[in-house]
PDB file of all heavy atoms in Angstrom:
ATOM      1  N   ILE A   1     171.798 263.930 267.624  1.00  0.00           N
ATOM      2  CA  ILE A   1     170.919 264.969 267.029  1.00  0.00           C
ATOM      3  C   ILE A   1     171.529 265.478 265.777  1.00  0.00           C
ATOM      4  O   ILE A   1     170.831 265.657 264.790  1.00  0.00           O
ATOM      5  CB  ILE A   1     170.945 266.159 268.058  1.00  0.00           C
ATOM      6  CG1 ILE A   1     170.079 265.732 269.333  1.00  0.00           C
ATOM      7  CG2 ILE A   1     170.188 267.370 267.444  1.00  0.00           C
ATOM      8  CD1 ILE A   1     170.045 266.832 270.366  1.00  0.00           C
ATOM      9  N   PHE A   2     172.840 265.596 265.656  1.00  0.00           N
ATOM     10  CA  PHE A   2     173.536 266.079 264.429  1.00  0.00           C
ATOM     11  C   PHE A   2     173.330 265.031 263.364  1.00  0.00           C
ATOM     12  O   PHE A   2     173.071 265.355 262.200  1.00  0.00           O
ATOM     13  CB  PHE A   2     175.002 266.240 264.686  1.00  0.00           C
ATOM     14  CG  PHE A   2     175.773 266.654 263.471  1.00  0.00           C
ATOM     15  CD1 PHE A   2     175.721 267.914 262.899  1.00  0.00           C
ATOM     16  CD2 PHE A   2     176.555 265.738 262.792  1.00  0.00           C
ATOM     17  CE1 PHE A   2     176.332 268.274 261.715  1.00  0.00           C
ATOM     18  CE2 PHE A   2     177.282 266.054 261.625  1.00  0.00           C
ATOM     19  CZ  PHE A   2     177.120 267.288 261.088  1.00  0.00           C
ATOM     20  N   SER A   3     173.462 263.764 263.771  1.00  0.00           N
ATOM     21  CA  SER A   3     173.346 262.668 262.819  1.00  0.00           C
ATOM     22  C   SER A   3     171.891 262.619 262.200  1.00  0.00           C
ATOM     23  O   SER A   3     171.696 262.454 261.083  1.00  0.00           O
ATOM     24  CB  SER A   3     173.584 261.288 263.495  1.00  0.00           C
ATOM     25  OG  SER A   3     173.374 260.240 262.519  1.00  0.00           O
ATOM     26  N   ASP A   4     170.862 262.869 263.019  1.00  0.00           N
ATOM     27  CA  ASP A   4     169.499 262.898 262.555  1.00  0.00           C
ATOM     28  C   ASP A   4     169.294 264.021 261.599  1.00  0.00           C
ATOM     29  O   ASP A   4     168.517 263.984 260.595  1.00  0.00           O
ATOM     30  CB  ASP A   4     168.511 263.051 263.769  1.00  0.00           C
ATOM     31  CG  ASP A   4     168.494 261.760 264.626  1.00  0.00           C
ATOM     32  OD1 ASP A   4     168.867 260.689 264.066  1.00  0.00           O
ATOM     33  OD2 ASP A   4     168.038 261.791 265.701  1.00  0.00           O
ATOM     34  N   TYR A   5     169.866 265.240 262.006  1.00  0.00           N
ATOM     35  CA  TYR A   5     169.729 266.374 261.111  1.00  0.00           C
ATOM     36  C   TYR A   5     170.424 266.153 259.759  1.00  0.00           C
ATOM     37  O   TYR A   5     169.923 266.634 258.753  1.00  0.00           O
ATOM     38  CB  TYR A   5     170.313 267.644 261.831  1.00  0.00           C
ATOM     39  CG  TYR A   5     169.997 268.913 261.040  1.00  0.00           C
ATOM     40  CD1 TYR A   5     168.675 269.495 261.086  1.00  0.00           C
ATOM     41  CD2 TYR A   5     170.834 269.632 260.372  1.00  0.00           C
ATOM     42  CE1 TYR A   5     168.395 270.645 260.526  1.00  0.00           C
ATOM     43  CE2 TYR A   5     170.651 270.787 259.704  1.00  0.00           C
ATOM     44  CZ  TYR A   5     169.369 271.279 259.731  1.00  0.00           C
ATOM     45  OH  TYR A   5     169.043 272.415 259.056  1.00  0.00           O
ATOM     46  N   LEU A   6     171.577 265.477 259.810  1.00  0.00           N
ATOM     47  CA  LEU A   6     172.321 265.241 258.546  1.00  0.00           C
ATOM     48  C   LEU A   6     171.459 264.288 257.704  1.00  0.00           C
ATOM     49  O   LEU A   6     171.359 264.479 256.467  1.00  0.00           O
ATOM     50  CB  LEU A   6     173.640 264.511 258.921  1.00  0.00           C
ATOM     51  CG  LEU A   6     174.470 264.084 257.609  1.00  0.00           C
ATOM     52  CD1 LEU A   6     174.884 265.221 256.855  1.00  0.00           C
ATOM     53  CD2 LEU A   6     175.706 263.286 258.230  1.00  0.00           C
ATOM     54  N   THR A   7     170.831 263.372 258.293  1.00  0.00           N
ATOM     55  CA  THR A   7     169.955 262.361 257.597  1.00  0.00           C
ATOM     56  C   THR A   7     168.785 263.116 256.966  1.00  0.00           C
ATOM     57  O   THR A   7     168.387 262.978 255.788  1.00  0.00           O
ATOM     58  CB  THR A   7     169.363 261.327 258.503  1.00  0.00           C
ATOM     59  OG1 THR A   7     170.447 260.549 258.946  1.00  0.00           O
ATOM     60  CG2 THR A   7     168.372 260.397 257.792  1.00  0.00           C
ATOM     61  N   ASP A   8     168.222 264.038 257.789  1.00  0.00           N
ATOM     62  CA  ASP A   8     167.066 264.908 257.158  1.00  0.00           C
ATOM     63  C   ASP A   8     167.512 265.753 256.072  1.00  0.00           C
ATOM     64  O   ASP A   8     166.763 266.022 255.084  1.00  0.00           O
ATOM     65  CB  ASP A   8     166.440 265.717 258.352  1.00  0.00           C
ATOM     66  CG  ASP A   8     165.542 264.879 259.293  1.00  0.00           C
ATOM     67  OD1 ASP A   8     165.131 263.766 258.892  1.00  0.00           O
ATOM     68  OD2 ASP A   8     165.492 265.444 260.496  1.00  0.00           O
ATOM     69  N   THR A   9     168.757 266.293 256.194  1.00  0.00           N
ATOM     70  CA  THR A   9     169.238 267.063 255.055  1.00  0.00           C
ATOM     71  C   THR A   9     169.408 266.297 253.813  1.00  0.00           C
ATOM     72  O   THR A   9     169.016 266.750 252.684  1.00  0.00           O
ATOM     73  CB  THR A   9     170.621 267.716 255.431  1.00  0.00           C
ATOM     74  OG1 THR A   9     170.453 268.487 256.676  1.00  0.00           O
ATOM     75  CG2 THR A   9     171.136 268.642 254.342  1.00  0.00           C
ATOM     76  N   ALA A  10     169.994 265.065 253.952  1.00  0.00           N
ATOM     77  CA  ALA A  10     170.148 264.228 252.765  1.00  0.00           C
ATOM     78  C   ALA A  10     168.805 263.881 252.098  1.00  0.00           C
ATOM     79  O   ALA A  10     168.641 263.966 250.943  1.00  0.00           O
ATOM     80  CB  ALA A  10     170.884 262.917 253.145  1.00  0.00           C
ATOM     81  N   ARG A  11     167.906 263.501 252.910  1.00  0.00           N
ATOM     82  CA  ARG A  11     166.449 263.247 252.421  1.00  0.00           C
ATOM     83  C   ARG A  11     165.834 264.458 251.754  1.00  0.00           C
ATOM     84  O   ARG A  11     165.115 264.256 250.734  1.00  0.00           O
ATOM     85  CB  ARG A  11     165.586 262.728 253.547  1.00  0.00           C
ATOM     86  CG  ARG A  11     165.985 261.340 254.013  1.00  0.00           C
ATOM     87  CD  ARG A  11     165.285 260.904 255.325  1.00  0.00           C
ATOM     88  NE  ARG A  11     165.632 259.612 255.868  1.00  0.00           N
ATOM     89  CZ  ARG A  11     165.294 258.973 256.950  1.00  0.00           C
ATOM     90  NH1 ARG A  11     164.519 259.795 257.744  1.00  0.00           N
ATOM     91  NH2 ARG A  11     165.685 257.866 257.320  1.00  0.00           N
ATOM     92  N   SER A  12     166.056 265.531 252.312  1.00  0.00           N
ATOM     93  CA  SER A  12     165.479 266.842 251.750  1.00  0.00           C
ATOM     94  C   SER A  12     166.218 267.145 250.471  1.00  0.00           C
ATOM     95  O   SER A  12     165.368 267.479 249.553  1.00  0.00           O
ATOM     96  CB  SER A  12     165.794 267.999 252.721  1.00  0.00           C
ATOM     97  OG  SER A  12     165.194 267.839 253.981  1.00  0.00           O
ATOM     98  N   ILE A  13     167.418 266.900 250.321  1.00  0.00           N
ATOM     99  CA  ILE A  13     168.081 267.109 248.985  1.00  0.00           C
ATOM    100  C   ILE A  13     167.499 266.133 247.916  1.00  0.00           C
ATOM    101  O   ILE A  13     167.236 266.515 246.847  1.00  0.00           O
ATOM    102  CB  ILE A  13     169.541 266.876 249.121  1.00  0.00           C
ATOM    103  CG1 ILE A  13     170.204 268.025 249.978  1.00  0.00           C
ATOM    104  CG2 ILE A  13     170.282 266.801 247.731  1.00  0.00           C
ATOM    105  CD1 ILE A  13     171.648 267.785 250.323  1.00  0.00           C
ATOM    106  N   ALA A  14     167.312 264.880 248.346  1.00  0.00           N
ATOM    107  CA  ALA A  14     166.769 263.892 247.381  1.00  0.00           C
ATOM    108  C   ALA A  14     165.326 264.293 247.042  1.00  0.00           C
ATOM    109  O   ALA A  14     164.930 264.028 245.829  1.00  0.00           O
ATOM    110  CB  ALA A  14     166.740 262.495 248.046  1.00  0.00           C
ATOM    111  N   PHE A  15     164.527 264.814 247.900  1.00  0.00           N
ATOM    112  CA  PHE A  15     163.187 265.171 247.631  1.00  0.00           C
ATOM    113  C   PHE A  15     163.085 266.444 246.751  1.00  0.00           C
ATOM    114  O   PHE A  15     162.176 266.561 245.889  1.00  0.00           O
ATOM    115  CB  PHE A  15     162.423 265.519 248.962  1.00  0.00           C
ATOM    116  CG  PHE A  15     160.960 265.894 248.741  1.00  0.00           C
ATOM    117  CD1 PHE A  15     160.020 264.924 248.354  1.00  0.00           C
ATOM    118  CD2 PHE A  15     160.506 267.176 248.995  1.00  0.00           C
ATOM    119  CE1 PHE A  15     158.646 265.344 248.239  1.00  0.00           C
ATOM    120  CE2 PHE A  15     159.260 267.586 248.803  1.00  0.00           C
ATOM    121  CZ  PHE A  15     158.292 266.594 248.462  1.00  0.00           C
ATOM    122  N   LEU A  16     163.963 267.406 247.052  1.00  0.00           N
ATOM    123  CA  LEU A  16     163.891 268.702 246.343  1.00  0.00           C
ATOM    124  C   LEU A  16     164.725 268.813 245.079  1.00  0.00           C
ATOM    125  O   LEU A  16     164.666 269.903 244.444  1.00  0.00           O
ATOM    126  CB  LEU A  16     164.332 269.770 247.380  1.00  0.00           C
ATOM    127  CG  LEU A  16     163.494 269.967 248.542  1.00  0.00           C
ATOM    128  CD1 LEU A  16     164.124 270.964 249.488  1.00  0.00           C
ATOM    129  CD2 LEU A  16     162.054 270.450 248.222  1.00  0.00           C
ATOM    130  N   SER A  17     165.498 267.795 244.756  1.00  0.00           N
ATOM    131  CA  SER A  17     166.385 267.901 243.630  1.00  0.00           C
ATOM    132  C   SER A  17     166.674 266.582 242.968  1.00  0.00           C
ATOM    133  O   SER A  17     166.116 265.625 243.407  1.00  0.00           O
ATOM    134  CB  SER A  17     167.787 268.546 244.004  1.00  0.00           C
ATOM    135  OG  SER A  17     168.599 267.521 244.801  1.00  0.00           O
ATOM    136  N   ARG A  18     167.523 266.583 241.981  1.00  0.00           N
ATOM    137  CA  ARG A  18     167.951 265.295 241.284  1.00  0.00           C
ATOM    138  C   ARG A  18     169.363 265.031 241.686  1.00  0.00           C
ATOM    139  O   ARG A  18     169.956 264.114 241.046  1.00  0.00           O
ATOM    140  CB  ARG A  18     167.867 265.475 239.757  1.00  0.00           C
ATOM    141  CG  ARG A  18     166.327 265.485 239.317  1.00  0.00           C
ATOM    142  CD  ARG A  18     166.279 265.474 237.801  1.00  0.00           C
ATOM    143  NE  ARG A  18     164.953 265.351 237.283  1.00  0.00           N
ATOM    144  CZ  ARG A  18     164.615 265.309 236.031  1.00  0.00           C
ATOM    145  NH1 ARG A  18     165.556 265.461 235.082  1.00  0.00           N
ATOM    146  NH2 ARG A  18     163.274 265.206 235.691  1.00  0.00           N
ATOM    147  N   LEU A  19     169.911 265.641 242.676  1.00  0.00           N
ATOM    148  CA  LEU A  19     171.211 265.341 243.148  1.00  0.00           C
ATOM    149  C   LEU A  19     171.274 263.928 243.787  1.00  0.00           C
ATOM    150  O   LEU A  19     170.382 263.585 244.509  1.00  0.00           O
ATOM    151  CB  LEU A  19     171.784 266.313 244.136  1.00  0.00           C
ATOM    152  CG  LEU A  19     171.914 267.786 243.566  1.00  0.00           C
ATOM    153  CD1 LEU A  19     172.326 268.695 244.703  1.00  0.00           C
ATOM    154  CD2 LEU A  19     173.024 267.842 242.569  1.00  0.00           C
ATOM    155  N   PRO A  20     172.313 263.124 243.479  1.00  0.00           N
ATOM    156  CA  PRO A  20     172.395 261.733 244.016  1.00  0.00           C
ATOM    157  C   PRO A  20     172.614 261.736 245.499  1.00  0.00           C
ATOM    158  O   PRO A  20     173.460 262.561 246.035  1.00  0.00           O
ATOM    159  CB  PRO A  20     173.517 261.183 243.252  1.00  0.00           C
ATOM    160  CG  PRO A  20     174.411 262.277 242.923  1.00  0.00           C
ATOM    161  CD  PRO A  20     173.449 263.388 242.567  1.00  0.00           C
ATOM    162  N   VAL A  21     171.863 260.905 246.201  1.00  0.00           N
ATOM    163  CA  VAL A  21     171.944 260.755 247.628  1.00  0.00           C
ATOM    164  C   VAL A  21     172.224 259.309 247.989  1.00  0.00           C
ATOM    165  O   VAL A  21     171.510 258.486 247.395  1.00  0.00           O
ATOM    166  CB  VAL A  21     170.751 261.308 248.419  1.00  0.00           C
ATOM    167  CG1 VAL A  21     170.893 261.089 249.926  1.00  0.00           C
ATOM    168  CG2 VAL A  21     170.591 262.791 248.056  1.00  0.00           C
ATOM    169  N   PRO A  22     173.196 258.954 248.824  1.00  0.00           N
ATOM    170  CA  PRO A  22     173.427 257.621 249.151  1.00  0.00           C
ATOM    171  C   PRO A  22     172.202 256.853 249.724  1.00  0.00           C
ATOM    172  O   PRO A  22     171.436 257.473 250.495  1.00  0.00           O
ATOM    173  CB  PRO A  22     174.492 257.582 250.202  1.00  0.00           C
ATOM    174  CG  PRO A  22     175.260 258.928 249.909  1.00  0.00           C
ATOM    175  CD  PRO A  22     174.215 259.869 249.482  1.00  0.00           C
ATOM    176  N   SER A  23     171.920 255.610 249.337  1.00  0.00           N
ATOM    177  CA  SER A  23     170.766 254.871 249.758  1.00  0.00           C
ATOM    178  C   SER A  23     170.712 254.683 251.251  1.00  0.00           C
ATOM    179  O   SER A  23     169.580 254.450 251.809  1.00  0.00           O
ATOM    180  CB  SER A  23     170.765 253.557 248.989  1.00  0.00           C
ATOM    181  OG  SER A  23     171.884 252.747 249.337  1.00  0.00           O
ATOM    182  N   ARG A  24     171.800 254.678 251.890  1.00  0.00           N
ATOM    183  CA  ARG A  24     171.793 254.365 253.391  1.00  0.00           C
ATOM    184  C   ARG A  24     170.934 255.415 254.137  1.00  0.00           C
ATOM    185  O   ARG A  24     170.450 255.024 255.259  1.00  0.00           O
ATOM    186  CB  ARG A  24     173.293 254.408 253.949  1.00  0.00           C
ATOM    187  CG  ARG A  24     173.957 255.677 253.855  1.00  0.00           C
ATOM    188  CD  ARG A  24     175.422 255.577 254.287  1.00  0.00           C
ATOM    189  NE  ARG A  24     176.128 256.818 254.160  1.00  0.00           N
ATOM    190  CZ  ARG A  24     176.180 257.750 255.113  1.00  0.00           C
ATOM    191  NH1 ARG A  24     175.526 257.658 256.241  1.00  0.00           N
ATOM    192  NH2 ARG A  24     176.943 258.881 254.854  1.00  0.00           N
ATOM    193  N   PHE A  25     170.772 256.549 253.610  1.00  0.00           N
ATOM    194  CA  PHE A  25     169.958 257.532 254.294  1.00  0.00           C
ATOM    195  C   PHE A  25     168.446 257.195 254.262  1.00  0.00           C
ATOM    196  O   PHE A  25     167.583 257.866 254.899  1.00  0.00           O
ATOM    197  CB  PHE A  25     170.056 258.946 253.630  1.00  0.00           C
ATOM    198  CG  PHE A  25     171.448 259.538 253.946  1.00  0.00           C
ATOM    199  CD1 PHE A  25     172.458 259.565 252.972  1.00  0.00           C
ATOM    200  CD2 PHE A  25     171.739 259.973 255.239  1.00  0.00           C
ATOM    201  CE1 PHE A  25     173.719 260.158 253.364  1.00  0.00           C
ATOM    202  CE2 PHE A  25     172.957 260.586 255.528  1.00  0.00           C
ATOM    203  CZ  PHE A  25     174.018 260.598 254.541  1.00  0.00           C
ATOM    204  N   PHE A  26     168.018 256.281 253.440  1.00  0.00           N
ATOM    205  CA  PHE A  26     166.644 255.911 253.283  1.00  0.00           C
ATOM    206  C   PHE A  26     166.285 254.484 253.863  1.00  0.00           C
ATOM    207  O   PHE A  26     165.188 254.118 253.672  1.00  0.00           O
ATOM    208  CB  PHE A  26     166.296 255.920 251.792  1.00  0.00           C
ATOM    209  CG  PHE A  26     166.549 257.383 251.210  1.00  0.00           C
ATOM    210  CD1 PHE A  26     167.696 257.507 250.534  1.00  0.00           C
ATOM    211  CD2 PHE A  26     165.588 258.415 251.296  1.00  0.00           C
ATOM    212  CE1 PHE A  26     168.026 258.812 249.997  1.00  0.00           C
ATOM    213  CE2 PHE A  26     165.871 259.595 250.876  1.00  0.00           C
ATOM    214  CZ  PHE A  26     167.072 259.896 250.089  1.00  0.00           C
ATOM    215  N   GLU A  27     167.238 253.852 254.473  1.00  0.00           N
ATOM    216  CA  GLU A  27     166.974 252.539 254.972  1.00  0.00           C
ATOM    217  C   GLU A  27     166.035 252.605 256.190  1.00  0.00           C
ATOM    218  O   GLU A  27     166.206 253.464 257.138  1.00  0.00           O
ATOM    219  CB  GLU A  27     168.288 251.894 255.550  1.00  0.00           C
ATOM    220  CG  GLU A  27     169.264 251.594 254.447  1.00  0.00           C
ATOM    221  CD  GLU A  27     170.653 251.146 254.956  1.00  0.00           C
ATOM    222  OE1 GLU A  27     170.822 251.032 256.150  1.00  0.00           O
ATOM    223  OE2 GLU A  27     171.540 250.800 254.122  1.00  0.00           O
ATOM    224  N   GLY A  28     164.872 251.956 255.969  1.00  0.00           N
ATOM    225  CA  GLY A  28     163.853 251.933 257.007  1.00  0.00           C
ATOM    226  C   GLY A  28     162.991 253.191 257.016  1.00  0.00           C
ATOM    227  O   GLY A  28     162.181 253.371 257.937  1.00  0.00           O
ATOM    228  N   HIS A  29     163.200 254.045 256.060  1.00  0.00           N
ATOM    229  CA  HIS A  29     162.372 255.321 256.005  1.00  0.00           C
ATOM    230  C   HIS A  29     161.065 255.048 255.253  1.00  0.00           C
ATOM    231  O   HIS A  29     161.042 254.372 254.194  1.00  0.00           O
ATOM    232  CB  HIS A  29     163.122 256.339 255.243  1.00  0.00           C
ATOM    233  CG  HIS A  29     162.459 257.682 255.175  1.00  0.00           C
ATOM    234  ND1 HIS A  29     161.918 258.286 256.301  1.00  0.00           N
ATOM    235  CD2 HIS A  29     162.234 258.489 254.101  1.00  0.00           C
ATOM    236  CE1 HIS A  29     161.414 259.478 255.899  1.00  0.00           C
ATOM    237  NE2 HIS A  29     161.566 259.598 254.586  1.00  0.00           N
ATOM    238  N   ASP A  30     159.991 255.553 255.798  1.00  0.00           N
ATOM    239  CA  ASP A  30     158.607 255.330 255.206  1.00  0.00           C
ATOM    240  C   ASP A  30     158.170 256.380 254.206  1.00  0.00           C
ATOM    241  O   ASP A  30     157.067 256.333 253.653  1.00  0.00           O
ATOM    242  CB  ASP A  30     157.552 255.247 256.308  1.00  0.00           C
ATOM    243  CG  ASP A  30     157.461 256.504 257.223  1.00  0.00           C
ATOM    244  OD1 ASP A  30     158.240 257.409 256.942  1.00  0.00           O
ATOM    245  OD2 ASP A  30     156.642 256.500 258.131  1.00  0.00           O
ATOM    246  N   GLY A  31     159.063 257.292 253.923  1.00  0.00           N
ATOM    247  CA  GLY A  31     158.690 258.331 253.025  1.00  0.00           C
ATOM    248  C   GLY A  31     158.052 259.596 253.570  1.00  0.00           C
ATOM    249  O   GLY A  31     157.998 260.631 252.843  1.00  0.00           O
ATOM    250  N   ALA A  32     157.817 259.567 254.860  1.00  0.00           N
ATOM    251  CA  ALA A  32     157.245 260.762 255.494  1.00  0.00           C
ATOM    252  C   ALA A  32     158.200 261.874 255.557  1.00  0.00           C
ATOM    253  O   ALA A  32     159.336 261.678 255.818  1.00  0.00           O
ATOM    254  CB  ALA A  32     156.624 260.400 256.850  1.00  0.00           C
TER     255      ALA A  32
END
């Protein structure tokens, strides 16, 4: 659960800002 929330946080940062986020958080992600 913590890992999923961490992933969601990283994706949120990428969506809401220009801060760099490691690409591993987007592997297999459909953009939803």
